C-alpha atoms as a PDB file:
ATOM      1  CA  UNK A   1     122.810-101.440-161.100  1.00  0.00           C
ATOM      2  CA  UNK A   2     120.516 -99.849-163.607  1.00  0.00           C
ATOM      3  CA  UNK A   3     117.216-101.352-164.634  1.00  0.00           C
ATOM      4  CA  UNK A   4     118.639-102.063-168.074  1.00  0.00           C
ATOM      5  CA  UNK A   5     121.518-104.166-166.683  1.00  0.00           C
ATOM      6  CA  UNK A   6     119.136-106.099-164.427  1.00  0.00           C
ATOM      7  CA  UNK A   7     116.834-106.798-167.403  1.00  0.00           C
ATOM      8  CA  UNK A   8     119.775-108.052-169.478  1.00  0.00           C
ATOM      9  CA  UNK A   9     120.869-110.394-166.683  1.00  0.00           C
ATOM     10  CA  UNK A  10     117.342-111.825-166.437  1.00  0.00           C
ATOM     11  CA  UNK A  11     117.218-112.349-170.209  1.00  0.00           C
ATOM     12  CA  UNK A  12     120.578-114.115-170.240  1.00  0.00           C
ATOM     13  CA  UNK A  13     119.473-116.449-167.433  1.00  0.00           C
ATOM     14  CA  UNK A  14     116.322-117.348-169.348  1.00  0.00           C
ATOM     15  CA  UNK A  15     118.180-118.011-172.608  1.00  0.00           C
ATOM     16  CA  UNK A  16     120.747-120.267-170.996  1.00  0.00           C
ATOM     17  CA  UNK A  17     124.400-120.326-171.988  1.00  0.00           C
ATOM     18  CA  UNK A  18     125.510-117.646-174.419  1.00  0.00           C
ATOM     19  CA  UNK A  19     128.775-117.001-176.239  1.00  0.00           C
ATOM     20  CA  UNK A  20     130.083-113.971-178.047  1.00  0.00           C
ATOM     21  CA  UNK A  21     130.892-114.435-181.731  1.00  0.00           C
ATOM     22  CA  UNK A  22     134.468-113.344-182.449  1.00  0.00           C
ATOM     23  CA  UNK A  23     133.492-111.912-185.829  1.00  0.00           C
ATOM     24  CA  UNK A  24     130.158-110.062-185.433  1.00  0.00           C
ATOM     25  CA  UNK A  25     130.616-109.638-181.638  1.00  0.00           C
ATOM     26  CA  UNK A  26     126.959-110.502-180.920  1.00  0.00           C
ATOM     27  CA  UNK A  27     125.945-112.736-178.041  1.00  0.00           C
ATOM     28  CA  UNK A  28     124.133-115.855-179.248  1.00  0.00           C
ATOM     29  CA  UNK A  29     122.751-119.014-177.672  1.00  0.00           C
ATOM     30  CA  UNK A  30     124.965-122.079-177.470  1.00  0.00           C
ATOM     31  CA  UNK A  31     122.852-123.863-180.098  1.00  0.00           C
ATOM     32  CA  UNK A  32     123.730-121.184-182.679  1.00  0.00           C
ATOM     33  CA  UNK A  33     127.500-121.409-182.168  1.00  0.00           C
ATOM     34  CA  UNK A  34     130.050-123.448-184.118  1.00  0.00           C
ATOM     35  CA  UNK A  35     133.667-124.260-183.273  1.00  0.00           C
ATOM     36  CA  UNK A  36     135.884-123.280-186.201  1.00  0.00           C
ATOM     37  CA  UNK A  37     138.786-125.709-186.129  1.00  0.00           C
ATOM     38  CA  UNK A  38     140.420-124.382-189.307  1.00  0.00           C
ATOM     39  CA  UNK A  39     141.972-121.649-187.139  1.00  0.00           C
ATOM     40  CA  UNK A  40     144.667-122.205-184.558  1.00  0.00           C
ATOM     41  CA  UNK A  41     143.582-121.897-181.778  1.00  0.00           C
ATOM     42  CA  UNK A  42     139.990-122.830-182.682  1.00  0.00           C
ATOM     43  CA  UNK A  43     137.484-119.963-182.534  1.00  0.00           C
ATOM     44  CA  UNK A  44     133.816-119.892-181.570  1.00  0.00           C
ATOM     45  CA  UNK A  45     131.610-118.201-184.173  1.00  0.00           C
ATOM     46  CA  UNK A  46     127.906-118.057-184.937  1.00  0.00           C
ATOM     47  CA  UNK A  47     126.422-120.021-187.835  1.00  0.00           C
ATOM     48  CA  UNK A  48     125.742-116.834-189.829  1.00  0.00           C
ATOM     49  CA  UNK A  49     129.379-115.739-189.715  1.00  0.00           C
ATOM     50  CA  UNK A  50     130.558-119.253-190.544  1.00  0.00           C
ATOM     51  CA  UNK A  51     128.376-119.252-193.671  1.00  0.00           C
ATOM     52  CA  UNK A  52     129.737-115.839-194.719  1.00  0.00           C
ATOM     53  CA  UNK A  53     133.312-117.124-194.365  1.00  0.00           C
ATOM     54  CA  UNK A  54     132.736-120.203-196.546  1.00  0.00           C
END
């Protein structure tokens, strides 16, 4: 593994659970994510993308 990958793993462990937004494709903390139930099946998106969609 490269030093960069090891650093990213350490950061993700410190931040806790993260999810990838289906719209902006960024990894965000669980607290920043929202379940969009208006889609079938429901999608997980960040608050910023949810606001842009409204």
